Amino acid sequence: RSKPITPPTNPSFQAPLTVFPNPSTGLTVLNGNGKSLNLSTIQVRNLQGRDLTHLVSKQVLSATQVQLNLASLATGMYIVYANNKTTRIYKR
């Protein structure tokens, strides 16, 4: 009789970057999930790769959280780069 396959578990694993709420109508929080975020390394790009960081205001909430204001961006999907990691943000 075969045993069910169970994936390996790692209780300390967390996604490298998360955003909430996502999708967002404007304000969203970028979370480094325990890793410090450096404002100068955060970039927001559209799907064509155009850097739109200058259109997004950033406010430090803590060492690991930064609030992003996406209000000046058009509706769509954007890629956020920070700490050599990426995540997607959906703007509605």
PDB file of N, CA and C in Angstrom:
ATOM      1  N   ARG A   1       0.837  -1.175   0.000  1.00  0.00           N
ATOM      2  CA  ARG A   1       0.000   0.000   0.000  1.00  0.00           C
ATOM      3  C   ARG A   1       0.885   1.243   0.000  1.00  0.00           C
ATOM      4  N   SER A   2       0.588   2.183  -0.873  1.00  0.00           N
ATOM      5  CA  SER A   2       1.433   3.366  -0.973  1.00  0.00           C
ATOM      6  C   SER A   2       1.020   4.427   0.039  1.00  0.00           C
ATOM      7  N   LYS A   3       2.005   5.201   0.450  1.00  0.00           N
ATOM      8  CA  LYS A   3       1.769   6.284   1.403  1.00  0.00           C
ATOM      9  C   LYS A   3       1.552   7.578   0.632  1.00  0.00           C
ATOM     10  N   PRO A   4       0.729   8.485   1.157  1.00  0.00           N
ATOM     11  CA  PRO A   4       0.543   9.759   0.478  1.00  0.00           C
ATOM     12  C   PRO A   4       1.835  10.575   0.498  1.00  0.00           C
ATOM     13  N   ILE A   5       2.042  11.313  -0.557  1.00  0.00           N
ATOM     14  CA  ILE A   5       3.224  12.173  -0.645  1.00  0.00           C
ATOM     15  C   ILE A   5       2.924  13.482   0.058  1.00  0.00           C
ATOM     16  N   THR A   6       3.781  13.859   0.953  1.00  0.00           N
ATOM     17  CA  THR A   6       3.620  15.144   1.637  1.00  0.00           C
ATOM     18  C   THR A   6       4.815  16.024   1.319  1.00  0.00           C
ATOM     19  N   PRO A   7       4.550  17.287   0.979  1.00  0.00           N
ATOM     20  CA  PRO A   7       5.665  18.180   0.664  1.00  0.00           C
ATOM     21  C   PRO A   7       6.473  18.487   1.908  1.00  0.00           C
ATOM     22  N   PRO A   8       7.762  18.767   1.736  1.00  0.00           N
ATOM     23  CA  PRO A   8       8.571  19.148   2.892  1.00  0.00           C
ATOM     24  C   PRO A   8       8.049  20.452   3.484  1.00  0.00           C
ATOM     25  N   THR A   9       8.123  20.563   4.766  1.00  0.00           N
ATOM     26  CA  THR A   9       7.636  21.781   5.412  1.00  0.00           C
ATOM     27  C   THR A   9       8.813  22.557   5.975  1.00  0.00           C
ATOM     28  N   ASN A  10       8.676  23.842   5.923  1.00  0.00           N
ATOM     29  CA  ASN A  10       9.683  24.731   6.481  1.00  0.00           C
ATOM     30  C   ASN A  10       8.920  25.844   7.190  1.00  0.00           C
ATOM     31  N   PRO A  11       8.708  25.728   8.489  1.00  0.00           N
ATOM     32  CA  PRO A  11       7.891  26.711   9.191  1.00  0.00           C
ATOM     33  C   PRO A  11       8.461  28.119   9.156  1.00  0.00           C
ATOM     34  N   SER A  12       9.754  28.271   8.885  1.00  0.00           N
ATOM     35  CA  SER A  12      10.340  29.606   8.869  1.00  0.00           C
ATOM     36  C   SER A  12      10.253  30.246   7.484  1.00  0.00           C
ATOM     37  N   PHE A  13       9.759  29.506   6.478  1.00  0.00           N
ATOM     38  CA  PHE A  13       9.681  30.068   5.134  1.00  0.00           C
ATOM     39  C   PHE A  13       8.583  31.116   5.047  1.00  0.00           C
ATOM     40  N   GLN A  14       8.918  32.249   4.433  1.00  0.00           N
ATOM     41  CA  GLN A  14       7.949  33.289   4.116  1.00  0.00           C
ATOM     42  C   GLN A  14       8.294  33.817   2.746  1.00  0.00           C
ATOM     43  N   ALA A  15       7.300  34.309   2.045  1.00  0.00           N
ATOM     44  CA  ALA A  15       7.565  34.932   0.752  1.00  0.00           C
ATOM     45  C   ALA A  15       8.516  36.105   0.968  1.00  0.00           C
ATOM     46  N   PRO A  16       9.467  36.328   0.054  1.00  0.00           N
ATOM     47  CA  PRO A  16      10.444  37.398   0.249  1.00  0.00           C
ATOM     48  C   PRO A  16       9.836  38.798   0.283  1.00  0.00           C
ATOM     49  N   LEU A  17       8.801  39.037  -0.508  1.00  0.00           N
ATOM     50  CA  LEU A  17       8.102  40.323  -0.513  1.00  0.00           C
ATOM     51  C   LEU A  17       6.619  40.073  -0.639  1.00  0.00           C
ATOM     52  N   THR A  18       5.837  40.835   0.089  1.00  0.00           N
ATOM     53  CA  THR A  18       4.387  40.774  -0.066  1.00  0.00           C
ATOM     54  C   THR A  18       3.849  42.196  -0.093  1.00  0.00           C
ATOM     55  N   VAL A  19       2.668  42.357  -0.677  1.00  0.00           N
ATOM     56  CA  VAL A  19       1.992  43.648  -0.682  1.00  0.00           C
ATOM     57  C   VAL A  19       0.552  43.442  -0.236  1.00  0.00           C
ATOM     58  N   PHE A  20       0.035  44.425   0.510  1.00  0.00           N
ATOM     59  CA  PHE A  20      -1.332  44.350   0.984  1.00  0.00           C
ATOM     60  C   PHE A  20      -1.884  45.767   1.092  1.00  0.00           C
ATOM     61  N   PRO A  21      -3.065  46.066   0.648  1.00  0.00           N
ATOM     62  CA  PRO A  21      -3.935  45.179  -0.129  1.00  0.00           C
ATOM     63  C   PRO A  21      -3.449  45.056  -1.565  1.00  0.00           C
ATOM     64  N   ASN A  22      -3.812  43.974  -2.173  1.00  0.00           N
ATOM     65  CA  ASN A  22      -3.451  43.724  -3.556  1.00  0.00           C
ATOM     66  C   ASN A  22      -4.564  42.909  -4.196  1.00  0.00           C
ATOM     67  N   PRO A  23      -5.367  43.517  -5.077  1.00  0.00           N
ATOM     68  CA  PRO A  23      -5.174  44.792  -5.745  1.00  0.00           C
ATOM     69  C   PRO A  23      -5.417  45.987  -4.831  1.00  0.00           C
ATOM     70  N   SER A  24      -4.930  47.125  -5.295  1.00  0.00           N
ATOM     71  CA  SER A  24      -5.030  48.363  -4.530  1.00  0.00           C
ATOM     72  C   SER A  24      -5.597  49.469  -5.399  1.00  0.00           C
ATOM     73  N   THR A  25      -6.295  50.396  -4.773  1.00  0.00           N
ATOM     74  CA  THR A  25      -6.768  51.576  -5.495  1.00  0.00           C
ATOM     75  C   THR A  25      -5.834  52.758  -5.274  1.00  0.00           C
ATOM     76  N   GLY A  26      -4.836  52.591  -4.440  1.00  0.00           N
ATOM     77  CA  GLY A  26      -3.900  53.682  -4.172  1.00  0.00           C
ATOM     78  C   GLY A  26      -2.826  53.272  -3.197  1.00  0.00           C
ATOM     79  N   LEU A  27      -3.159  53.267  -1.911  1.00  0.00           N
ATOM     80  CA  LEU A  27      -2.160  52.947  -0.890  1.00  0.00           C
ATOM     81  C   LEU A  27      -2.029  51.445  -0.700  1.00  0.00           C
ATOM     82  N   THR A  28      -0.794  50.982  -0.656  1.00  0.00           N
ATOM     83  CA  THR A  28      -0.506  49.578  -0.393  1.00  0.00           C
ATOM     84  C   THR A  28       0.774  49.506   0.427  1.00  0.00           C
ATOM     85  N   VAL A  29       0.946  48.444   1.173  1.00  0.00           N
ATOM     86  CA  VAL A  29       2.123  48.283   2.021  1.00  0.00           C
ATOM     87  C   VAL A  29       2.992  47.165   1.460  1.00  0.00           C
ATOM     88  N   LEU A  30       4.251  47.496   1.217  1.00  0.00           N
ATOM     89  CA  LEU A  30       5.259  46.523   0.803  1.00  0.00           C
ATOM     90  C   LEU A  30       5.913  45.987   2.068  1.00  0.00           C
ATOM     91  N   ASN A  31       5.906  44.673   2.221  1.00  0.00           N
ATOM     92  CA  ASN A  31       6.417  44.032   3.431  1.00  0.00           C
ATOM     93  C   ASN A  31       7.615  43.162   3.062  1.00  0.00           C
ATOM     94  N   GLY A  32       8.738  43.408   3.707  1.00  0.00           N
ATOM     95  CA  GLY A  32       9.943  42.616   3.487  1.00  0.00           C
ATOM     96  C   GLY A  32       9.944  41.302   4.229  1.00  0.00           C
ATOM     97  N   ASN A  33       8.871  41.011   4.968  1.00  0.00           N
ATOM     98  CA  ASN A  33       8.738  39.753   5.713  1.00  0.00           C
ATOM     99  C   ASN A  33       9.966  39.445   6.560  1.00  0.00           C
ATOM    100  N   GLY A  34      10.305  40.411   7.414  1.00  0.00           N
ATOM    101  CA  GLY A  34      11.417  40.231   8.335  1.00  0.00           C
ATOM    102  C   GLY A  34      12.740  40.780   7.822  1.00  0.00           C
ATOM    103  N   LYS A  35      12.806  41.094   6.552  1.00  0.00           N
ATOM    104  CA  LYS A  35      14.026  41.667   5.966  1.00  0.00           C
ATOM    105  C   LYS A  35      13.856  43.178   5.847  1.00  0.00           C
ATOM    106  N   SER A  36      14.896  43.915   6.190  1.00  0.00           N
ATOM    107  CA  SER A  36      14.845  45.375   6.083  1.00  0.00           C
ATOM    108  C   SER A  36      14.694  45.799   4.630  1.00  0.00           C
ATOM    109  N   LEU A  37      13.927  46.870   4.431  1.00  0.00           N
ATOM    110  CA  LEU A  37      13.740  47.442   3.101  1.00  0.00           C
ATOM    111  C   LEU A  37      14.475  48.769   3.030  1.00  0.00           C
ATOM    112  N   ASN A  38      15.200  48.987   1.963  1.00  0.00           N
ATOM    113  CA  ASN A  38      15.930  50.221   1.749  1.00  0.00           C
ATOM    114  C   ASN A  38      15.191  51.015   0.677  1.00  0.00           C
ATOM    115  N   LEU A  39      14.731  52.226   1.024  1.00  0.00           N
ATOM    116  CA  LEU A  39      13.959  53.039   0.085  1.00  0.00           C
ATOM    117  C   LEU A  39      14.664  53.215  -1.253  1.00  0.00           C
ATOM    118  N   SER A  40      15.970  53.369  -1.236  1.00  0.00           N
ATOM    119  CA  SER A  40      16.690  53.636  -2.477  1.00  0.00           C
ATOM    120  C   SER A  40      16.724  52.436  -3.419  1.00  0.00           C
ATOM    121  N   THR A  41      16.404  51.248  -2.917  1.00  0.00           N
ATOM    122  CA  THR A  41      16.432  50.067  -3.787  1.00  0.00           C
ATOM    123  C   THR A  41      15.046  49.682  -4.294  1.00  0.00           C
ATOM    124  N   ILE A  42      13.993  50.343  -3.825  1.00  0.00           N
ATOM    125  CA  ILE A  42      12.629  49.996  -4.245  1.00  0.00           C
ATOM    126  C   ILE A  42      12.341  50.640  -5.599  1.00  0.00           C
ATOM    127  N   GLN A  43      11.932  49.813  -6.546  1.00  0.00           N
ATOM    128  CA  GLN A  43      11.562  50.286  -7.871  1.00  0.00           C
ATOM    129  C   GLN A  43      10.197  49.750  -8.244  1.00  0.00           C
ATOM    130  N   VAL A  44       9.439  50.546  -8.995  1.00  0.00           N
ATOM    131  CA  VAL A  44       8.151  50.125  -9.529  1.00  0.00           C
ATOM    132  C   VAL A  44       8.237  50.255 -11.046  1.00  0.00           C
ATOM    133  N   ARG A  45       7.942  49.165 -11.745  1.00  0.00           N
ATOM    134  CA  ARG A  45       8.022  49.157 -13.216  1.00  0.00           C
ATOM    135  C   ARG A  45       6.734  48.605 -13.804  1.00  0.00           C
ATOM    136  N   ASN A  46       6.409  49.075 -15.011  1.00  0.00           N
ATOM    137  CA  ASN A  46       5.263  48.494 -15.698  1.00  0.00           C
ATOM    138  C   ASN A  46       5.713  47.215 -16.393  1.00  0.00           C
ATOM    139  N   LEU A  47       4.786  46.541 -17.066  1.00  0.00           N
ATOM    140  CA  LEU A  47       5.117  45.253 -17.679  1.00  0.00           C
ATOM    141  C   LEU A  47       6.047  45.391 -18.882  1.00  0.00           C
ATOM    142  N   GLN A  48       6.190  46.602 -19.409  1.00  0.00           N
ATOM    143  CA  GLN A  48       7.134  46.840 -20.489  1.00  0.00           C
ATOM    144  C   GLN A  48       8.529  47.149 -19.952  1.00  0.00           C
ATOM    145  N   GLY A  49       8.676  47.217 -18.630  1.00  0.00           N
ATOM    146  CA  GLY A  49       9.968  47.460 -18.003  1.00  0.00           C
ATOM    147  C   GLY A  49      10.273  48.924 -17.730  1.00  0.00           C
ATOM    148  N   ARG A  50       9.336  49.814 -18.052  1.00  0.00           N
ATOM    149  CA  ARG A  50       9.559  51.249 -17.828  1.00  0.00           C
ATOM    150  C   ARG A  50       9.541  51.555 -16.336  1.00  0.00           C
ATOM    151  N   ASP A  51      10.555  52.254 -15.871  1.00  0.00           N
ATOM    152  CA  ASP A  51      10.672  52.608 -14.460  1.00  0.00           C
ATOM    153  C   ASP A  51       9.705  53.745 -14.128  1.00  0.00           C
ATOM    154  N   LEU A  52       8.748  53.473 -13.254  1.00  0.00           N
ATOM    155  CA  LEU A  52       7.747  54.454 -12.847  1.00  0.00           C
ATOM    156  C   LEU A  52       7.903  54.848 -11.385  1.00  0.00           C
ATOM    157  N   THR A  53       9.051  54.520 -10.812  1.00  0.00           N
ATOM    158  CA  THR A  53       9.286  54.780  -9.393  1.00  0.00           C
ATOM    159  C   THR A  53       9.062  56.243  -9.041  1.00  0.00           C
ATOM    160  N   HIS A  54       9.426  57.147  -9.944  1.00  0.00           N
ATOM    161  CA  HIS A  54       9.285  58.587  -9.672  1.00  0.00           C
ATOM    162  C   HIS A  54       7.820  59.016  -9.531  1.00  0.00           C
ATOM    163  N   LEU A  55       6.871  58.179  -9.967  1.00  0.00           N
ATOM    164  CA  LEU A  55       5.448  58.491  -9.842  1.00  0.00           C
ATOM    165  C   LEU A  55       4.830  57.938  -8.554  1.00  0.00           C
ATOM    166  N   VAL A  56       5.596  57.179  -7.809  1.00  0.00           N
ATOM    167  CA  VAL A  56       5.091  56.505  -6.610  1.00  0.00           C
ATOM    168  C   VAL A  56       5.754  57.105  -5.378  1.00  0.00           C
ATOM    169  N   SER A  57       4.943  57.653  -4.474  1.00  0.00           N
ATOM    170  CA  SER A  57       5.528  58.156  -3.232  1.00  0.00           C
ATOM    171  C   SER A  57       5.675  56.996  -2.256  1.00  0.00           C
ATOM    172  N   LYS A  58       6.737  57.062  -1.444  1.00  0.00           N
ATOM    173  CA  LYS A  58       7.065  55.983  -0.507  1.00  0.00           C
ATOM    174  C   LYS A  58       7.184  56.577   0.893  1.00  0.00           C
ATOM    175  N   GLN A  59       6.650  55.862   1.861  1.00  0.00           N
ATOM    176  CA  GLN A  59       6.753  56.286   3.256  1.00  0.00           C
ATOM    177  C   GLN A  59       7.166  55.091   4.101  1.00  0.00           C
ATOM    178  N   VAL A  60       8.220  55.259   4.877  1.00  0.00           N
ATOM    179  CA  VAL A  60       8.692  54.181   5.745  1.00  0.00           C
ATOM    180  C   VAL A  60       7.721  54.026   6.918  1.00  0.00           C
ATOM    181  N   LEU A  61       7.227  52.819   7.110  1.00  0.00           N
ATOM    182  CA  LEU A  61       6.371  52.500   8.259  1.00  0.00           C
ATOM    183  C   LEU A  61       7.185  51.819   9.355  1.00  0.00           C
ATOM    184  N   SER A  62       8.151  51.019   8.936  1.00  0.00           N
ATOM    185  CA  SER A  62       9.062  50.340   9.865  1.00  0.00           C
ATOM    186  C   SER A  62      10.262  49.886   9.036  1.00  0.00           C
ATOM    187  N   ALA A  63      11.221  49.249   9.662  1.00  0.00           N
ATOM    188  CA  ALA A  63      12.397  48.775   8.935  1.00  0.00           C
ATOM    189  C   ALA A  63      12.029  47.767   7.852  1.00  0.00           C
ATOM    190  N   THR A  64      10.911  47.063   8.046  1.00  0.00           N
ATOM    191  CA  THR A  64      10.532  46.006   7.114  1.00  0.00           C
ATOM    192  C   THR A  64       9.280  46.323   6.310  1.00  0.00           C
ATOM    193  N   GLN A  65       8.701  47.521   6.490  1.00  0.00           N
ATOM    194  CA  GLN A  65       7.478  47.879   5.779  1.00  0.00           C
ATOM    195  C   GLN A  65       7.553  49.297   5.218  1.00  0.00           C
ATOM    196  N   VAL A  66       7.132  49.422   3.953  1.00  0.00           N
ATOM    197  CA  VAL A  66       7.082  50.718   3.284  1.00  0.00           C
ATOM    198  C   VAL A  66       5.711  50.859   2.633  1.00  0.00           C
ATOM    199  N   GLN A  67       5.071  52.006   2.860  1.00  0.00           N
ATOM    200  CA  GLN A  67       3.795  52.276   2.207  1.00  0.00           C
ATOM    201  C   GLN A  67       4.066  52.905   0.842  1.00  0.00           C
ATOM    202  N   LEU A  68       3.419  52.361  -0.181  1.00  0.00           N
ATOM    203  CA  LEU A  68       3.536  52.878  -1.536  1.00  0.00           C
ATOM    204  C   LEU A  68       2.216  53.520  -1.930  1.00  0.00           C
ATOM    205  N   ASN A  69       2.267  54.706  -2.528  1.00  0.00           N
ATOM    206  CA  ASN A  69       1.063  55.369  -3.012  1.00  0.00           C
ATOM    207  C   ASN A  69       1.036  55.236  -4.536  1.00  0.00           C
ATOM    208  N   LEU A  70       0.135  54.397  -5.022  1.00  0.00           N
ATOM    209  CA  LEU A  70       0.023  54.103  -6.444  1.00  0.00           C
ATOM    210  C   LEU A  70      -1.016  54.968  -7.142  1.00  0.00           C
ATOM    211  N   ALA A  71      -1.563  55.961  -6.453  1.00  0.00           N
ATOM    212  CA  ALA A  71      -2.684  56.739  -6.978  1.00  0.00           C
ATOM    213  C   ALA A  71      -2.396  57.372  -8.341  1.00  0.00           C
ATOM    214  N   SER A  72      -1.154  57.729  -8.617  1.00  0.00           N
ATOM    215  CA  SER A  72      -0.849  58.392  -9.888  1.00  0.00           C
ATOM    216  C   SER A  72      -0.612  57.412 -11.047  1.00  0.00           C
ATOM    217  N   LEU A  73      -0.683  56.113 -10.773  1.00  0.00           N
ATOM    218  CA  LEU A  73      -0.494  55.109 -11.819  1.00  0.00           C
ATOM    219  C   LEU A  73      -1.828  54.717 -12.439  1.00  0.00           C
ATOM    220  N   ALA A  74      -1.793  54.372 -13.715  1.00  0.00           N
ATOM    221  CA  ALA A  74      -2.990  53.889 -14.400  1.00  0.00           C
ATOM    222  C   ALA A  74      -3.349  52.494 -13.885  1.00  0.00           C
ATOM    223  N   THR A  75      -4.585  52.096 -14.100  1.00  0.00           N
ATOM    224  CA  THR A  75      -5.017  50.752 -13.748  1.00  0.00           C
ATOM    225  C   THR A  75      -4.150  49.740 -14.494  1.00  0.00           C
ATOM    226  N   GLY A  76      -3.709  48.693 -13.807  1.00  0.00           N
ATOM    227  CA  GLY A  76      -2.902  47.656 -14.452  1.00  0.00           C
ATOM    228  C   GLY A  76      -2.036  46.917 -13.466  1.00  0.00           C
ATOM    229  N   MET A  77      -1.121  46.123 -13.995  1.00  0.00           N
ATOM    230  CA  MET A  77      -0.223  45.340 -13.164  1.00  0.00           C
ATOM    231  C   MET A  77       1.165  45.964 -13.216  1.00  0.00           C
ATOM    232  N   TYR A  78       1.831  45.989 -12.072  1.00  0.00           N
ATOM    233  CA  TYR A  78       3.166  46.556 -11.944  1.00  0.00           C
ATOM    234  C   TYR A  78       4.047  45.579 -11.196  1.00  0.00           C
ATOM    235  N   ILE A  79       5.336  45.666 -11.464  1.00  0.00           N
ATOM    236  CA  ILE A  79       6.313  44.824 -10.784  1.00  0.00           C
ATOM    237  C   ILE A  79       7.096  45.705  -9.813  1.00  0.00           C
ATOM    238  N   VAL A  80       7.186  45.248  -8.559  1.00  0.00           N
ATOM    239  CA  VAL A  80       7.955  45.967  -7.547  1.00  0.00           C
ATOM    240  C   VAL A  80       9.238  45.191  -7.288  1.00  0.00           C
ATOM    241  N   TYR A  81      10.350  45.904  -7.321  1.00  0.00           N
ATOM    242  CA  TYR A  81      11.661  45.330  -7.053  1.00  0.00           C
ATOM    243  C   TYR A  81      12.172  45.904  -5.737  1.00  0.00           C
ATOM    244  N   ALA A  82      12.656  45.049  -4.861  1.00  0.00           N
ATOM    245  CA  ALA A  82      13.282  45.470  -3.605  1.00  0.00           C
ATOM    246  C   ALA A  82      14.115  44.312  -3.088  1.00  0.00           C
ATOM    247  N   ASN A  83      15.287  44.618  -2.538  1.00  0.00           N
ATOM    248  CA  ASN A  83      16.157  43.582  -1.959  1.00  0.00           C
ATOM    249  C   ASN A  83      16.443  42.452  -2.951  1.00  0.00           C
ATOM    250  N   ASN A  84      16.605  42.781  -4.223  1.00  0.00           N
ATOM    251  CA  ASN A  84      16.857  41.782  -5.263  1.00  0.00           C
ATOM    252  C   ASN A  84      15.738  40.755  -5.394  1.00  0.00           C
ATOM    253  N   LYS A  85      14.535  41.120  -4.991  1.00  0.00           N
ATOM    254  CA  LYS A  85      13.350  40.267  -5.108  1.00  0.00           C
ATOM    255  C   LYS A  85      12.289  41.045  -5.858  1.00  0.00           C
ATOM    256  N   THR A  86      11.268  40.349  -6.339  1.00  0.00           N
ATOM    257  CA  THR A  86      10.166  41.007  -7.036  1.00  0.00           C
ATOM    258  C   THR A  86       8.828  40.515  -6.525  1.00  0.00           C
ATOM    259  N   THR A  87       7.816  41.342  -6.710  1.00  0.00           N
ATOM    260  CA  THR A  87       6.439  40.956  -6.456  1.00  0.00           C
ATOM    261  C   THR A  87       5.574  41.769  -7.391  1.00  0.00           C
ATOM    262  N   ARG A  88       4.342  41.336  -7.582  1.00  0.00           N
ATOM    263  CA  ARG A  88       3.410  42.048  -8.465  1.00  0.00           C
ATOM    264  C   ARG A  88       2.402  42.838  -7.654  1.00  0.00           C
ATOM    265  N   ILE A  89       2.049  44.000  -8.174  1.00  0.00           N
ATOM    266  CA  ILE A  89       0.978  44.807  -7.589  1.00  0.00           C
ATOM    267  C   ILE A  89      -0.042  45.058  -8.682  1.00  0.00           C
ATOM    268  N   TYR A  90      -1.301  44.909  -8.335  1.00  0.00           N
ATOM    269  CA  TYR A  90      -2.381  45.210  -9.258  1.00  0.00           C
ATOM    270  C   TYR A  90      -3.038  46.510  -8.823  1.00  0.00           C
ATOM    271  N   LYS A  91      -3.074  47.480  -9.707  1.00  0.00           N
ATOM    272  CA  LYS A  91      -3.709  48.770  -9.424  1.00  0.00           C
ATOM    273  C   LYS A  91      -5.059  48.771 -10.108  1.00  0.00           C
ATOM    274  N   ARG A  92      -6.122  49.086  -9.343  1.00  0.00           N
ATOM    275  CA  ARG A  92      -7.445  49.175  -9.961  1.00  0.00           C
ATOM    276  C   ARG A  92      -7.878  50.604  -9.997  1.00  0.00           C
TER     277      ARG A  92
END
